[in-house]
Amino acid sequence: MSRDTVDPFFFALFPSFFIGIWLLVTTVAGLVSGWFELMRRFPDRDEGAILRIGFVSGTMGPLVRFNGLLTLSASVSGLRVGMLRLLGPFCRDFLVPWEEITVTRTSNWFSSMAKLHFGIPVAGTLSISAVTADRLAHAAGRTLPESKRPA
């Protein structure tokens, strides 16, 4: 084989390697963020959305930042959290009842954030813009109770 030709196995192995790495990274992100635990604890239900906001950025758990990947929906019974399936193939939507959500608010010079605590005891957290959190809660006729937990 000359140095000018590309091994034909490269064209067969590269896509498999790429898909394997993509599945590994998205699975690790689902584990570290707590998404899989939230899916287990708060399964999705077939319930219409009152307000749906797409392409939301947020931080789940201590480390995982979803930039413009989240879809948040307010329904009568709770808050549905989902993401683009391409970037989270194993991360299904989950629906957290309003009664199991508390919020801790923080602000700095540039923005106000709402850290949503899911479950009692807490199964996971999601930090999003305070404006987005308030829009979702008000659409469902709710207010998010302030948490006594430290930020």
N, C-alpha and C. Protein backbone atom coordinates (compact mmCIF):
# COMPACT_ATOMS: atom_id res chain seq x y z
N MET A 1 0.85 -1.17 0.00
CA MET A 1 0.00 0.00 0.00
C MET A 1 0.90 1.23 0.00
N SER A 2 0.59 2.18 -0.85
CA SER A 2 1.39 3.40 -0.91
C SER A 2 0.92 4.38 0.16
N ARG A 3 1.73 5.35 0.40
CA ARG A 3 1.40 6.36 1.42
C ARG A 3 0.29 7.30 0.97
N ASP A 4 0.00 7.33 -0.33
CA ASP A 4 -0.99 8.24 -0.87
C ASP A 4 -2.42 7.71 -0.74
N THR A 5 -2.58 6.45 -0.48
CA THR A 5 -3.93 5.90 -0.40
C THR A 5 -4.38 5.78 1.05
N VAL A 6 -5.68 5.84 1.22
CA VAL A 6 -6.26 5.72 2.54
C VAL A 6 -6.77 4.28 2.69
N ASP A 7 -6.47 3.71 3.81
CA ASP A 7 -6.91 2.35 4.07
C ASP A 7 -8.43 2.28 4.02
N PRO A 8 -9.01 1.36 3.26
CA PRO A 8 -10.47 1.29 3.16
C PRO A 8 -11.15 0.99 4.50
N PHE A 9 -10.41 0.35 5.40
CA PHE A 9 -11.00 0.07 6.71
C PHE A 9 -11.24 1.35 7.50
N PHE A 10 -10.50 2.42 7.20
CA PHE A 10 -10.71 3.70 7.86
C PHE A 10 -12.13 4.19 7.66
N PHE A 11 -12.63 4.07 6.42
CA PHE A 11 -13.98 4.54 6.12
C PHE A 11 -15.04 3.69 6.80
N ALA A 12 -14.72 2.45 7.11
CA ALA A 12 -15.68 1.59 7.81
C ALA A 12 -15.59 1.79 9.32
N LEU A 13 -14.39 2.02 9.84
CA LEU A 13 -14.20 2.11 11.29
C LEU A 13 -14.47 3.50 11.87
N PHE A 14 -14.18 4.55 11.11
CA PHE A 14 -14.36 5.90 11.65
C PHE A 14 -15.79 6.19 12.07
N PRO A 15 -16.80 5.90 11.23
CA PRO A 15 -18.18 6.16 11.68
C PRO A 15 -18.54 5.37 12.95
N SER A 16 -18.11 4.13 13.02
CA SER A 16 -18.39 3.32 14.22
C SER A 16 -17.71 3.92 15.44
N PHE A 17 -16.47 4.36 15.27
CA PHE A 17 -15.74 4.98 16.37
C PHE A 17 -16.43 6.28 16.81
N PHE A 18 -16.83 7.10 15.85
CA PHE A 18 -17.51 8.36 16.14
C PHE A 18 -18.82 8.13 16.90
N ILE A 19 -19.62 7.18 16.42
CA ILE A 19 -20.90 6.87 17.06
C ILE A 19 -20.67 6.33 18.47
N GLY A 20 -19.67 5.51 18.64
CA GLY A 20 -19.34 4.97 19.97
C GLY A 20 -18.96 6.06 20.95
N ILE A 21 -18.12 6.99 20.52
CA ILE A 21 -17.71 8.11 21.38
C ILE A 21 -18.91 8.99 21.70
N TRP A 22 -19.75 9.26 20.70
CA TRP A 22 -20.95 10.09 20.91
C TRP A 22 -21.88 9.44 21.93
N LEU A 23 -22.12 8.13 21.81
CA LEU A 23 -22.97 7.44 22.78
C LEU A 23 -22.35 7.44 24.18
N LEU A 24 -21.05 7.27 24.26
CA LEU A 24 -20.37 7.28 25.56
C LEU A 24 -20.49 8.65 26.22
N VAL A 25 -20.23 9.72 25.49
CA VAL A 25 -20.27 11.07 26.05
C VAL A 25 -21.69 11.44 26.49
N THR A 26 -22.69 11.13 25.67
CA THR A 26 -24.07 11.48 26.03
C THR A 26 -24.56 10.65 27.22
N THR A 27 -24.11 9.41 27.33
CA THR A 27 -24.49 8.57 28.47
C THR A 27 -23.85 9.06 29.75
N VAL A 28 -22.57 9.41 29.70
CA VAL A 28 -21.89 9.95 30.88
C VAL A 28 -22.54 11.26 31.31
N ALA A 29 -22.89 12.12 30.36
CA ALA A 29 -23.56 13.38 30.70
C ALA A 29 -24.90 13.11 31.38
N GLY A 30 -25.64 12.11 30.92
CA GLY A 30 -26.91 11.76 31.54
C GLY A 30 -26.74 11.24 32.96
N LEU A 31 -25.68 10.49 33.18
CA LEU A 31 -25.39 9.99 34.53
C LEU A 31 -24.94 11.09 35.47
N VAL A 32 -23.97 11.89 35.04
CA VAL A 32 -23.40 12.94 35.89
C VAL A 32 -24.42 14.02 36.21
N SER A 33 -25.28 14.35 35.26
CA SER A 33 -26.27 15.41 35.48
C SER A 33 -27.41 14.95 36.40
N GLY A 34 -27.58 13.65 36.54
CA GLY A 34 -28.70 13.14 37.32
C GLY A 34 -29.96 12.92 36.49
N TRP A 35 -29.85 13.08 35.18
CA TRP A 35 -31.01 12.97 34.30
C TRP A 35 -31.67 11.59 34.43
N PHE A 36 -30.87 10.52 34.44
CA PHE A 36 -31.43 9.17 34.48
C PHE A 36 -32.19 8.93 35.79
N GLU A 37 -31.70 9.46 36.89
CA GLU A 37 -32.40 9.33 38.17
C GLU A 37 -33.72 10.10 38.14
N LEU A 38 -33.71 11.29 37.55
CA LEU A 38 -34.93 12.08 37.44
C LEU A 38 -35.96 11.40 36.53
N MET A 39 -35.50 10.77 35.45
CA MET A 39 -36.40 10.02 34.56
C MET A 39 -37.06 8.87 35.33
N ARG A 40 -36.29 8.21 36.17
CA ARG A 40 -36.81 7.07 36.93
C ARG A 40 -37.82 7.55 37.99
N ARG A 41 -37.49 8.62 38.66
CA ARG A 41 -38.33 9.09 39.77
C ARG A 41 -39.57 9.85 39.29
N PHE A 42 -39.45 10.57 38.18
CA PHE A 42 -40.56 11.39 37.67
C PHE A 42 -40.86 11.03 36.21
N PRO A 43 -41.50 9.89 35.97
CA PRO A 43 -41.77 9.51 34.57
C PRO A 43 -42.70 10.51 33.89
N ASP A 44 -42.53 10.64 32.59
CA ASP A 44 -43.35 11.55 31.80
C ASP A 44 -44.76 10.98 31.67
N ARG A 45 -45.72 11.87 31.57
CA ARG A 45 -47.12 11.49 31.35
C ARG A 45 -47.63 12.23 30.13
N ASP A 46 -48.61 11.66 29.51
CA ASP A 46 -49.21 12.28 28.33
C ASP A 46 -50.17 13.37 28.79
N GLU A 47 -49.63 14.57 28.89
CA GLU A 47 -50.40 15.72 29.37
C GLU A 47 -50.00 16.93 28.53
N GLY A 48 -50.99 17.65 28.07
CA GLY A 48 -50.73 18.81 27.23
C GLY A 48 -50.00 19.93 27.96
N ALA A 49 -49.23 20.68 27.20
CA ALA A 49 -48.47 21.79 27.75
C ALA A 49 -49.27 23.09 27.65
N ILE A 50 -49.21 23.87 28.71
CA ILE A 50 -49.82 25.21 28.70
C ILE A 50 -48.85 26.19 28.05
N LEU A 51 -47.57 26.05 28.39
CA LEU A 51 -46.51 26.89 27.83
C LEU A 51 -45.30 26.01 27.58
N ARG A 52 -44.73 26.14 26.40
CA ARG A 52 -43.53 25.37 26.05
C ARG A 52 -42.45 26.35 25.61
N ILE A 53 -41.27 26.21 26.21
CA ILE A 53 -40.14 27.08 25.85
C ILE A 53 -38.99 26.18 25.40
N GLY A 54 -38.56 26.36 24.18
CA GLY A 54 -37.48 25.55 23.62
C GLY A 54 -36.15 26.28 23.63
N PHE A 55 -35.11 25.52 23.40
CA PHE A 55 -33.74 26.03 23.28
C PHE A 55 -33.30 26.79 24.53
N VAL A 56 -33.64 26.23 25.68
CA VAL A 56 -33.29 26.83 26.97
C VAL A 56 -31.92 26.31 27.39
N SER A 57 -31.12 27.18 27.99
CA SER A 57 -29.84 26.78 28.56
C SER A 57 -30.00 26.58 30.05
N GLY A 58 -29.28 25.62 30.58
CA GLY A 58 -29.34 25.38 32.02
C GLY A 58 -28.23 24.45 32.46
N THR A 59 -28.06 24.36 33.76
CA THR A 59 -27.06 23.48 34.35
C THR A 59 -27.78 22.46 35.21
N MET A 60 -27.51 21.19 34.95
CA MET A 60 -28.09 20.12 35.76
C MET A 60 -27.00 19.49 36.60
N GLY A 61 -27.37 19.24 37.86
CA GLY A 61 -26.37 18.68 38.76
C GLY A 61 -25.26 19.69 38.97
N PRO A 62 -24.13 19.21 39.44
CA PRO A 62 -23.04 20.15 39.72
C PRO A 62 -22.23 20.56 38.50
N LEU A 63 -22.28 19.79 37.40
CA LEU A 63 -21.30 20.00 36.33
C LEU A 63 -21.82 20.16 34.92
N VAL A 64 -22.97 19.64 34.60
CA VAL A 64 -23.36 19.49 33.20
C VAL A 64 -24.16 20.70 32.73
N ARG A 65 -23.63 21.40 31.75
CA ARG A 65 -24.25 22.59 31.18
C ARG A 65 -24.88 22.22 29.84
N PHE A 66 -26.16 22.50 29.70
CA PHE A 66 -26.88 22.27 28.45
C PHE A 66 -27.14 23.63 27.81
N ASN A 67 -26.36 23.97 26.81
CA ASN A 67 -26.48 25.28 26.16
C ASN A 67 -27.49 25.22 25.02
N GLY A 68 -28.68 25.76 25.29
CA GLY A 68 -29.73 25.81 24.27
C GLY A 68 -30.30 24.46 23.88
N LEU A 69 -30.14 23.44 24.71
CA LEU A 69 -30.58 22.09 24.37
C LEU A 69 -31.88 21.66 25.05
N LEU A 70 -32.29 22.39 26.07
CA LEU A 70 -33.43 21.97 26.86
C LEU A 70 -34.75 22.51 26.32
N THR A 71 -35.81 21.73 26.52
CA THR A 71 -37.18 22.17 26.26
C THR A 71 -37.93 22.03 27.57
N LEU A 72 -38.50 23.13 28.04
CA LEU A 72 -39.25 23.15 29.29
C LEU A 72 -40.71 23.44 28.98
N SER A 73 -41.59 22.64 29.60
CA SER A 73 -43.03 22.80 29.37
C SER A 73 -43.76 22.84 30.70
N ALA A 74 -44.63 23.82 30.83
CA ALA A 74 -45.49 23.91 32.01
C ALA A 74 -46.82 23.24 31.67
N SER A 75 -47.27 22.37 32.56
CA SER A 75 -48.59 21.75 32.42
C SER A 75 -49.34 21.97 33.72
N VAL A 76 -50.56 21.53 33.77
CA VAL A 76 -51.37 21.72 34.97
C VAL A 76 -50.73 21.03 36.16
N SER A 77 -50.18 19.85 35.95
CA SER A 77 -49.68 19.07 37.09
C SER A 77 -48.20 19.25 37.38
N GLY A 78 -47.41 19.76 36.42
CA GLY A 78 -45.99 19.88 36.71
C GLY A 78 -45.17 20.48 35.59
N LEU A 79 -43.86 20.40 35.77
CA LEU A 79 -42.88 20.93 34.82
C LEU A 79 -42.24 19.76 34.09
N ARG A 80 -42.37 19.78 32.76
CA ARG A 80 -41.74 18.75 31.93
C ARG A 80 -40.39 19.28 31.45
N VAL A 81 -39.37 18.45 31.58
CA VAL A 81 -38.02 18.79 31.14
C VAL A 81 -37.61 17.79 30.07
N GLY A 82 -37.17 18.31 28.94
CA GLY A 82 -36.71 17.45 27.85
C GLY A 82 -35.51 18.07 27.17
N MET A 83 -34.92 17.32 26.26
CA MET A 83 -33.80 17.84 25.49
C MET A 83 -33.84 17.31 24.07
N LEU A 84 -33.03 17.89 23.21
CA LEU A 84 -32.93 17.42 21.84
C LEU A 84 -32.48 15.96 21.85
N ARG A 85 -33.23 15.08 21.22
CA ARG A 85 -32.94 13.65 21.25
C ARG A 85 -31.60 13.31 20.60
N LEU A 86 -31.20 14.06 19.63
CA LEU A 86 -29.92 13.79 18.98
C LEU A 86 -28.76 13.91 19.96
N LEU A 87 -28.87 14.83 20.90
CA LEU A 87 -27.78 15.05 21.84
C LEU A 87 -27.99 14.34 23.17
N GLY A 88 -29.09 13.66 23.31
CA GLY A 88 -29.34 12.85 24.50
C GLY A 88 -30.21 11.67 24.12
N PRO A 89 -29.67 10.71 23.36
CA PRO A 89 -30.52 9.65 22.82
C PRO A 89 -31.19 8.78 23.89
N PHE A 90 -30.61 8.69 25.07
CA PHE A 90 -31.20 7.88 26.13
C PHE A 90 -31.88 8.73 27.20
N CYS A 91 -31.90 10.04 27.02
CA CYS A 91 -32.49 10.96 28.00
C CYS A 91 -33.92 11.31 27.60
N ARG A 92 -34.86 10.57 28.17
CA ARG A 92 -36.27 10.83 27.88
C ARG A 92 -36.76 12.00 28.73
N ASP A 93 -37.88 12.59 28.32
CA ASP A 93 -38.50 13.67 29.08
C ASP A 93 -38.96 13.14 30.44
N PHE A 94 -38.99 14.05 31.42
CA PHE A 94 -39.57 13.71 32.71
C PHE A 94 -40.45 14.86 33.17
N LEU A 95 -41.45 14.55 34.01
CA LEU A 95 -42.43 15.53 34.46
C LEU A 95 -42.41 15.57 35.99
N VAL A 96 -41.97 16.70 36.54
CA VAL A 96 -41.88 16.87 37.99
C VAL A 96 -43.13 17.60 38.46
N PRO A 97 -43.88 17.01 39.41
CA PRO A 97 -45.08 17.70 39.93
C PRO A 97 -44.69 19.02 40.60
N TRP A 98 -45.55 20.02 40.47
CA TRP A 98 -45.27 21.34 41.04
C TRP A 98 -45.01 21.25 42.54
N GLU A 99 -45.69 20.33 43.21
CA GLU A 99 -45.55 20.19 44.66
C GLU A 99 -44.16 19.71 45.06
N GLU A 100 -43.40 19.17 44.10
CA GLU A 100 -42.08 18.63 44.40
C GLU A 100 -40.96 19.52 43.85
N ILE A 101 -41.29 20.78 43.59
CA ILE A 101 -40.28 21.73 43.10
C ILE A 101 -40.16 22.87 44.09
N THR A 102 -38.93 23.15 44.51
CA THR A 102 -38.64 24.36 45.27
C THR A 102 -37.53 25.09 44.53
N VAL A 103 -37.35 26.37 44.85
CA VAL A 103 -36.39 27.18 44.12
C VAL A 103 -35.48 27.94 45.08
N THR A 104 -34.24 28.07 44.69
CA THR A 104 -33.28 28.94 45.36
C THR A 104 -32.84 29.96 44.32
N ARG A 105 -32.98 31.24 44.64
CA ARG A 105 -32.65 32.29 43.67
C ARG A 105 -31.29 32.92 43.98
N THR A 106 -30.56 33.20 42.92
CA THR A 106 -29.29 33.91 43.03
C THR A 106 -29.25 34.97 41.95
N SER A 107 -28.47 36.00 42.18
CA SER A 107 -28.32 37.03 41.15
C SER A 107 -26.92 37.61 41.22
N ASN A 108 -26.47 38.06 40.07
CA ASN A 108 -25.21 38.79 39.99
C ASN A 108 -25.45 40.02 39.14
N TRP A 109 -24.41 40.65 38.71
CA TRP A 109 -24.57 41.89 37.94
C TRP A 109 -25.30 41.68 36.62
N PHE A 110 -25.17 40.51 36.06
CA PHE A 110 -25.67 40.30 34.70
C PHE A 110 -27.00 39.55 34.62
N SER A 111 -27.29 38.70 35.60
CA SER A 111 -28.50 37.90 35.47
C SER A 111 -29.00 37.40 36.82
N SER A 112 -30.24 36.96 36.81
CA SER A 112 -30.84 36.30 37.98
C SER A 112 -31.10 34.85 37.59
N MET A 113 -30.73 33.95 38.47
CA MET A 113 -30.88 32.53 38.20
C MET A 113 -31.82 31.91 39.22
N ALA A 114 -32.49 30.85 38.79
CA ALA A 114 -33.34 30.06 39.67
C ALA A 114 -32.81 28.63 39.65
N LYS A 115 -32.44 28.14 40.81
CA LYS A 115 -32.00 26.76 40.93
C LYS A 115 -33.20 25.95 41.41
N LEU A 116 -33.74 25.14 40.51
CA LEU A 116 -34.91 24.33 40.82
C LEU A 116 -34.46 23.03 41.47
N HIS A 117 -35.02 22.73 42.63
CA HIS A 117 -34.72 21.49 43.36
C HIS A 117 -35.90 20.55 43.11
N PHE A 118 -35.61 19.38 42.52
CA PHE A 118 -36.66 18.43 42.16
C PHE A 118 -36.75 17.32 43.20
N GLY A 119 -37.91 17.18 43.83
CA GLY A 119 -38.16 16.08 44.74
C GLY A 119 -37.95 16.44 46.19
N ILE A 120 -38.60 15.67 47.06
CA ILE A 120 -38.44 15.81 48.50
C ILE A 120 -38.24 14.39 49.03
N PRO A 121 -37.03 13.98 49.35
CA PRO A 121 -35.76 14.69 49.30
C PRO A 121 -35.33 14.94 47.85
N VAL A 122 -34.38 15.82 47.69
CA VAL A 122 -33.95 16.28 46.37
C VAL A 122 -33.32 15.14 45.57
N ALA A 123 -33.84 14.95 44.36
CA ALA A 123 -33.31 13.94 43.45
C ALA A 123 -32.40 14.57 42.40
N GLY A 124 -32.52 15.89 42.20
CA GLY A 124 -31.70 16.57 41.21
C GLY A 124 -32.02 18.05 41.19
N THR A 125 -31.18 18.80 40.50
CA THR A 125 -31.36 20.25 40.39
C THR A 125 -31.20 20.69 38.94
N LEU A 126 -31.82 21.81 38.64
CA LEU A 126 -31.70 22.45 37.33
C LEU A 126 -31.62 23.95 37.57
N SER A 127 -30.54 24.57 37.11
CA SER A 127 -30.40 26.02 37.21
C SER A 127 -30.71 26.63 35.86
N ILE A 128 -31.69 27.54 35.86
CA ILE A 128 -32.10 28.23 34.64
C ILE A 128 -32.31 29.71 34.97
N SER A 129 -32.57 30.48 33.95
CA SER A 129 -32.87 31.90 34.15
C SER A 129 -34.10 32.04 35.03
N ALA A 130 -34.06 32.99 35.97
CA ALA A 130 -35.19 33.22 36.86
C ALA A 130 -36.42 33.67 36.07
N VAL A 131 -36.22 34.42 35.02
CA VAL A 131 -37.34 34.87 34.18
C VAL A 131 -38.05 33.67 33.55
N THR A 132 -37.28 32.72 33.04
CA THR A 132 -37.86 31.51 32.44
C THR A 132 -38.62 30.70 33.48
N ALA A 133 -38.04 30.52 34.65
CA ALA A 133 -38.71 29.76 35.72
C ALA A 133 -40.03 30.40 36.11
N ASP A 134 -40.03 31.72 36.24
CA ASP A 134 -41.25 32.43 36.63
C ASP A 134 -42.31 32.36 35.54
N ARG A 135 -41.89 32.47 34.28
CA ARG A 135 -42.85 32.38 33.16
C ARG A 135 -43.56 31.02 33.16
N LEU A 136 -42.79 29.96 33.38
CA LEU A 136 -43.36 28.62 33.37
C LEU A 136 -44.34 28.43 34.54
N ALA A 137 -43.93 28.85 35.72
CA ALA A 137 -44.79 28.69 36.90
C ALA A 137 -46.07 29.52 36.76
N HIS A 138 -45.95 30.76 36.31
CA HIS A 138 -47.12 31.63 36.19
C HIS A 138 -48.09 31.13 35.11
N ALA A 139 -47.56 30.52 34.05
CA ALA A 139 -48.43 29.97 33.01
C ALA A 139 -49.33 28.88 33.57
N ALA A 140 -48.82 28.15 34.56
CA ALA A 140 -49.62 27.08 35.18
C ALA A 140 -50.40 27.59 36.39
N GLY A 141 -50.35 28.90 36.66
CA GLY A 141 -51.05 29.46 37.80
C GLY A 141 -50.40 29.11 39.12
N ARG A 142 -49.09 28.98 39.10
CA ARG A 142 -48.33 28.58 40.28
C ARG A 142 -47.29 29.63 40.64
N THR A 143 -46.80 29.54 41.86
CA THR A 143 -45.59 30.23 42.26
C THR A 143 -44.65 29.16 42.79
N LEU A 144 -43.38 29.35 42.55
CA LEU A 144 -42.40 28.37 43.02
C LEU A 144 -42.02 28.70 44.45
N PRO A 145 -42.22 27.76 45.37
CA PRO A 145 -41.87 28.05 46.76
C PRO A 145 -40.37 28.17 46.93
N GLU A 146 -39.98 29.16 47.72
CA GLU A 146 -38.55 29.36 47.99
C GLU A 146 -38.04 28.24 48.88
N SER A 147 -36.87 27.76 48.54
CA SER A 147 -36.26 26.67 49.28
C SER A 147 -35.52 27.19 50.50
N LYS A 148 -35.45 26.39 51.51
CA LYS A 148 -34.65 26.74 52.68
C LYS A 148 -33.27 26.10 52.57
N ARG A 149 -33.02 25.46 51.45
CA ARG A 149 -31.73 24.82 51.20
C ARG A 149 -30.71 25.88 50.84
N PRO A 150 -29.44 25.68 51.17
CA PRO A 150 -28.41 26.63 50.72
C PRO A 150 -28.22 26.54 49.23
N ALA A 151 -27.87 27.68 48.61
CA ALA A 151 -27.62 27.71 47.17
C ALA A 151 -26.38 26.95 46.88
